[in-house]
Amino acid sequence: MAKVAVVTGASKGLGFAIVKGLCEKFDGTVYLTSRDDQRSLEAVKKLKDLGFNPKYHQLDVTNEESVKTFADFIKTQHGGFDVLVNNAAILEWDKIYPDYEAAKRNVDTNYRSLLRVEKYLYPLLIKGARVVNISSSCGHLSNLKNKQWIDALLNPDLEVDDINEFVDEYLESVRNGTFDTADFADDGKHAEHRVSKIAVTALTMVQQKKYKDISLNAVHPGLVKTDMANGKGVTDADEAAKLVLYLILEASPNLKGVFLWHNKKIVDWYDPNGEYYCKGIW
């Protein structure tokens, strides 16, 4: 069976760069997926103009029917697939301390969408498949100062329900006005993004224990020069994509359940006192 790779949120930025790198080096079919048809088809054209041949399929990870439709397509066309890069994400820069609706949007897109993807797409991953979850420095546990949350996430028997409880408690604090900046590093700036990305990284660890036959890792690709970085990025998207391509194409299949920093260093995600939290970019 021919190999198949899927990249979400890939019409621009890091996702686009990952697709380009896969088209160049991956021996198989590469799917550029995104919720926006027009922008995605323009991205596909750019890649074809460069001599590459990606496929496109619409995929809105926040929409259950869209994810199900894509999963049905992959099952029908290919039977299964080999590579998944969960890149789709948002960050609304205009409010450092967002209201409830904005905070919920971030969490729903960046974290809860991965639960939807797991439900429909993970059953199609073949033995030995590789999954990369795009996290960030916001996704390291040291972004938290709330001891109750830290202790819960450090539980060696952590489950998805525990991550959901952490996320829900944060959102409820925003909704009811009890949000405390002291619960987070860096005065809690963009706490919604810290919460969603911490949840992504924690979910990576939980999923790896569940899916022992695949390699599942989280990465902090650096502060990439994309729209999401709001002009504050320092790393070129093509350069940042090399980290993801390394995990997909070169890393040992035994590298599992790690948090890989942009310099390819394996970082101890379980160190709440580390100096890995996101700071000074808002």
Protein backbone atom coordinates (compact mmCIF):
# COMPACT_ATOMS: atom_id res chain seq x y z
CA MET A 1 0.00 0.00 0.00
CA ALA A 2 1.37 3.42 -1.00
CA LYS A 3 2.23 5.67 1.92
CA VAL A 4 0.00 8.63 2.80
CA ALA A 5 0.74 11.75 4.87
CA VAL A 6 -1.80 14.30 6.14
CA VAL A 7 -1.08 17.83 7.40
CA THR A 8 -3.85 19.91 8.98
CA GLY A 9 -4.05 23.70 8.79
CA ALA A 10 -1.66 23.61 5.85
CA SER A 11 -2.73 26.38 3.49
CA LYS A 12 -0.05 28.76 4.82
CA GLY A 13 2.74 29.21 7.33
CA LEU A 14 4.28 26.22 9.06
CA GLY A 15 1.73 23.75 7.73
CA PHE A 16 2.44 24.82 4.15
CA ALA A 17 6.19 24.48 4.76
CA ILE A 18 5.70 20.98 6.18
CA VAL A 19 3.69 19.93 3.14
CA LYS A 20 6.38 21.33 0.86
CA GLY A 21 9.07 19.41 2.73
CA LEU A 22 7.05 16.20 2.60
CA CYS A 23 6.41 16.61 -1.12
CA GLU A 24 10.17 16.85 -1.59
CA LYS A 25 11.23 13.96 0.66
CA PHE A 26 8.29 11.70 1.56
CA ASP A 27 7.79 8.65 -0.65
CA GLY A 28 4.04 8.74 -0.94
CA THR A 29 0.94 10.89 -1.28
CA VAL A 30 0.81 14.13 0.71
CA TYR A 31 -2.51 15.74 1.63
CA LEU A 32 -2.64 19.46 2.27
CA THR A 33 -5.78 19.99 4.33
CA SER A 34 -7.46 23.16 5.53
CA ARG A 35 -10.94 24.53 6.15
CA ASP A 36 -10.62 27.22 3.46
CA ASP A 37 -11.02 25.84 -0.07
CA GLN A 38 -9.91 28.92 -1.97
CA ARG A 39 -6.79 29.58 0.07
CA SER A 40 -5.87 25.89 0.01
CA LEU A 41 -6.24 25.57 -3.74
CA GLU A 42 -4.02 28.62 -4.14
CA ALA A 43 -1.46 26.93 -1.87
CA VAL A 44 -1.63 23.75 -3.94
CA LYS A 45 -1.05 25.78 -7.09
CA LYS A 46 2.04 27.40 -5.54
CA LEU A 47 3.44 23.98 -4.75
CA LYS A 48 2.65 22.64 -8.20
CA ASP A 49 4.41 25.65 -9.71
CA LEU A 50 7.46 24.54 -7.72
CA GLY A 51 7.23 21.09 -9.26
CA PHE A 52 5.48 19.29 -6.40
CA ASN A 53 2.23 17.37 -6.51
CA PRO A 54 0.28 17.55 -3.23
CA LYS A 55 -3.35 16.49 -2.97
CA TYR A 56 -5.97 18.67 -1.32
CA HIS A 57 -8.98 17.82 0.80
CA GLN A 58 -11.11 20.17 2.83
CA LEU A 59 -10.78 19.56 6.57
CA ASP A 60 -12.14 21.78 9.32
CA VAL A 61 -10.90 20.17 12.53
CA THR A 62 -13.45 22.15 14.57
CA ASN A 63 -16.33 20.53 12.67
CA GLU A 64 -17.16 16.91 13.46
CA GLU A 65 -18.88 16.23 10.14
CA SER A 66 -15.88 17.60 8.23
CA VAL A 67 -13.47 15.35 10.14
CA LYS A 68 -15.73 12.34 9.63
CA THR A 69 -16.03 13.06 5.90
CA PHE A 70 -12.27 13.26 5.54
CA ALA A 71 -11.78 10.05 7.50
CA ASP A 72 -14.28 8.26 5.26
CA PHE A 73 -12.39 9.57 2.22
CA ILE A 74 -9.02 8.31 3.50
CA LYS A 75 -10.51 4.92 4.37
CA THR A 76 -12.15 4.57 0.96
CA GLN A 77 -9.22 5.85 -1.10
CA HIS A 78 -6.28 4.45 0.86
CA GLY A 79 -7.48 2.10 3.58
CA GLY A 80 -5.30 3.88 6.11
CA PHE A 81 -2.41 6.33 6.38
CA ASP A 82 1.12 6.68 7.74
CA VAL A 83 1.75 10.27 8.85
CA LEU A 84 -0.39 12.87 10.62
CA VAL A 85 0.74 16.37 11.52
CA ASN A 86 -1.76 18.14 13.77
CA ASN A 87 -0.87 21.73 12.94
CA ALA A 88 -4.22 23.53 12.71
CA ALA A 89 -4.40 26.19 15.44
CA ILE A 90 -5.32 29.80 16.18
CA LEU A 91 -4.10 32.64 18.38
CA GLU A 92 -6.02 35.92 18.56
CA TRP A 93 -3.49 38.58 19.50
CA ASP A 94 -5.81 41.53 20.04
CA LYS A 95 -6.69 40.64 23.66
CA ILE A 96 -3.88 39.63 26.00
CA TYR A 97 -6.56 38.70 28.52
CA PRO A 98 -9.39 37.42 26.31
CA ASP A 99 -13.06 37.19 27.14
CA TYR A 100 -14.73 33.82 27.55
CA GLU A 101 -15.78 33.40 23.91
CA ALA A 102 -12.28 34.11 22.60
CA ALA A 103 -10.70 31.81 25.19
CA LYS A 104 -13.14 29.04 24.31
CA ARG A 105 -12.44 29.47 20.58
CA ASN A 106 -8.74 28.98 21.20
CA VAL A 107 -9.23 25.90 23.37
CA ASP A 108 -11.78 24.37 21.01
CA THR A 109 -9.58 24.84 17.95
CA ASN A 110 -6.19 24.02 19.41
CA TYR A 111 -7.05 21.25 21.85
CA ARG A 112 -10.55 19.86 21.59
CA SER A 113 -10.19 19.44 17.82
CA LEU A 114 -7.47 16.85 18.52
CA LEU A 115 -10.01 14.71 20.37
CA ARG A 116 -12.22 14.84 17.29
CA VAL A 117 -9.29 13.95 15.06
CA GLU A 118 -8.42 11.05 17.35
CA LYS A 119 -11.96 9.70 17.23
CA TYR A 120 -12.16 9.50 13.44
CA LEU A 121 -8.62 9.43 12.08
CA TYR A 122 -6.52 7.51 14.61
CA PRO A 123 -8.28 4.19 13.83
CA LEU A 124 -6.92 4.58 10.28
CA LEU A 125 -3.27 5.02 11.31
CA ILE A 126 -1.24 1.99 10.30
CA LYS A 127 1.18 0.18 12.63
CA GLY A 128 4.38 2.24 12.81
CA ALA A 129 2.64 5.49 11.85
CA ARG A 130 4.06 8.79 13.01
CA VAL A 131 2.02 11.59 14.54
CA VAL A 132 3.37 15.05 15.35
CA ASN A 133 1.36 17.48 17.46
CA ILE A 134 2.47 21.08 16.99
CA SER A 135 2.69 22.62 20.45
CA SER A 136 4.77 25.65 21.47
CA SER A 137 6.71 27.07 24.40
CA CYS A 138 3.23 27.88 25.73
CA GLY A 139 2.71 24.13 25.91
CA HIS A 140 5.35 23.42 28.55
CA LEU A 141 4.15 22.68 32.08
CA SER A 142 6.29 25.53 33.46
CA ASN A 143 3.67 27.93 32.09
CA LEU A 144 1.55 26.95 35.09
CA LYS A 145 1.90 28.19 38.67
CA ASN A 146 -1.35 26.77 40.06
CA LYS A 147 -0.22 23.84 42.24
CA GLN A 148 -3.51 21.98 41.98
CA TRP A 149 -3.36 21.99 38.18
CA ILE A 150 0.34 21.07 38.14
CA ASP A 151 -0.20 18.14 40.50
CA ALA A 152 -3.13 16.91 38.42
CA LEU A 153 -1.15 17.03 35.17
CA LEU A 154 1.86 15.35 36.82
CA ASN A 155 -0.26 12.33 37.71
CA PRO A 156 1.43 9.30 36.09
CA ASP A 157 -2.07 7.90 35.47
CA LEU A 158 -3.25 11.08 33.73
CA GLU A 159 -6.25 10.58 31.48
CA VAL A 160 -8.10 12.71 28.94
CA ASP A 161 -10.83 13.45 31.49
CA ASP A 162 -8.21 15.02 33.76
CA ILE A 163 -6.97 17.27 30.95
CA ASN A 164 -10.53 18.24 30.14
CA GLU A 165 -11.14 19.12 33.79
CA PHE A 166 -8.08 21.39 33.81
CA VAL A 167 -9.24 23.11 30.61
CA ASP A 168 -12.81 23.49 31.86
CA GLU A 169 -11.70 24.96 35.19
CA TYR A 170 -9.66 27.60 33.38
CA LEU A 171 -12.53 28.50 31.04
CA GLU A 172 -14.97 28.68 33.94
CA SER A 173 -12.64 31.10 35.74
CA VAL A 174 -12.73 33.38 32.70
CA ARG A 175 -16.49 33.08 32.45
CA ASN A 176 -17.21 33.82 36.11
CA GLY A 177 -14.54 36.47 36.64
CA THR A 178 -12.28 34.49 39.00
CA PHE A 179 -9.39 34.19 36.51
CA ASP A 180 -6.15 34.77 38.43
CA THR A 181 -3.00 35.85 36.60
CA ALA A 182 -0.96 34.28 39.41
CA ASP A 183 -2.02 30.83 38.18
CA PHE A 184 0.31 31.31 35.20
CA ALA A 185 3.82 32.39 34.28
CA ASP A 186 4.37 35.80 32.64
CA ASP A 187 1.38 37.38 34.44
CA GLY A 188 -1.01 35.05 32.66
CA LYS A 189 -0.72 36.83 29.32
CA HIS A 190 -2.65 34.85 26.72
CA ALA A 191 -3.45 32.20 29.29
CA GLU A 192 -5.96 30.72 26.85
CA HIS A 193 -3.12 29.79 24.50
CA ARG A 194 -1.01 28.41 27.34
CA VAL A 195 -3.92 26.26 28.50
CA SER A 196 -4.73 24.93 25.03
CA LYS A 197 -1.11 24.11 24.21
CA ILE A 198 -0.40 22.56 27.63
CA ALA A 199 -3.45 20.40 26.97
CA VAL A 200 -2.06 19.46 23.55
CA THR A 201 1.26 18.37 25.03
CA ALA A 202 -0.39 16.49 27.89
CA LEU A 203 -2.70 14.77 25.42
CA THR A 204 0.35 13.68 23.42
CA MET A 205 1.68 11.83 26.45
CA VAL A 206 -1.69 10.23 27.20
CA GLN A 207 -2.25 9.17 23.59
CA GLN A 208 1.21 7.63 23.28
CA LYS A 209 0.44 5.31 26.18
CA LYS A 210 -2.81 4.35 24.47
CA TYR A 211 -1.46 3.87 20.95
CA LYS A 212 1.69 1.87 21.53
CA ASP A 213 2.17 0.85 17.89
CA ILE A 214 2.74 4.39 16.60
CA SER A 215 5.24 7.16 17.37
CA LEU A 216 3.46 10.19 18.79
CA ASN A 217 5.38 13.31 19.77
CA ALA A 218 4.85 17.02 20.46
CA VAL A 219 7.12 19.79 19.22
CA HIS A 220 7.87 23.42 19.92
CA PRO A 221 8.99 24.61 16.46
CA GLY A 222 10.18 28.01 17.68
CA LEU A 223 8.51 31.37 17.20
CA VAL A 224 7.79 30.96 13.51
CA LYS A 225 7.33 33.83 11.07
CA THR A 226 3.64 33.26 10.35
CA ASP A 227 0.36 35.18 10.63
CA MET A 228 -0.20 33.51 14.00
CA ALA A 229 3.00 35.11 15.31
CA ASN A 230 1.59 38.55 14.44
CA GLY A 231 4.86 39.70 12.89
CA LYS A 232 6.90 38.72 15.95
CA GLY A 233 8.29 35.46 14.55
CA VAL A 234 12.03 34.90 14.38
CA THR A 235 12.24 31.49 12.69
CA ASP A 236 11.58 30.93 9.00
CA ALA A 237 8.73 28.47 8.39
CA ASP A 238 10.87 26.26 6.15
CA GLU A 239 13.52 26.09 8.85
CA ALA A 240 10.96 25.27 11.55
CA ALA A 241 9.44 22.57 9.33
CA LYS A 242 12.76 20.68 9.41
CA LEU A 243 12.08 19.69 13.02
CA VAL A 244 8.76 18.10 12.07
CA LEU A 245 10.28 16.46 8.99
CA TYR A 246 13.01 15.03 11.19
CA LEU A 247 10.44 13.31 13.41
CA ILE A 248 8.59 11.97 10.40
CA LEU A 249 11.45 10.90 8.17
CA GLU A 250 14.60 10.42 10.25
CA ALA A 251 14.00 9.92 13.96
CA SER A 252 14.03 6.48 15.49
CA PRO A 253 10.57 4.88 15.63
CA ASN A 254 11.34 4.32 19.31
CA LEU A 255 11.27 8.07 19.94
CA LYS A 256 7.83 8.21 21.48
CA GLY A 257 5.89 10.52 23.78
CA VAL A 258 8.51 13.27 23.96
CA PHE A 259 8.38 17.05 23.84
CA LEU A 260 10.96 18.13 21.29
CA TRP A 261 12.30 21.69 21.40
CA HIS A 262 13.11 23.67 18.25
CA ASN A 263 16.81 22.77 18.61
CA LYS A 264 15.96 19.01 18.58
CA LYS A 265 16.56 18.80 22.31
CA ILE A 266 14.19 16.54 24.23
CA VAL A 267 12.77 18.71 26.98
CA ASP A 268 11.41 17.37 30.25
CA TRP A 269 7.78 18.41 29.94
CA TYR A 270 7.14 17.26 33.50
CA ASP A 271 9.41 19.95 35.01
CA PRO A 272 7.11 22.73 36.28
CA ASN A 273 10.11 24.71 37.55
CA GLY A 274 11.90 24.79 34.19
CA GLU A 275 12.63 27.96 32.23
CA TYR A 276 10.70 26.81 29.19
CA TYR A 277 7.56 28.92 29.56
CA CYS A 278 6.53 31.43 26.92
CA LYS A 279 7.58 34.96 27.80
CA GLY A 280 8.12 38.42 26.42
CA ILE A 281 6.48 38.09 22.99
CA TRP A 282 3.13 39.76 23.58
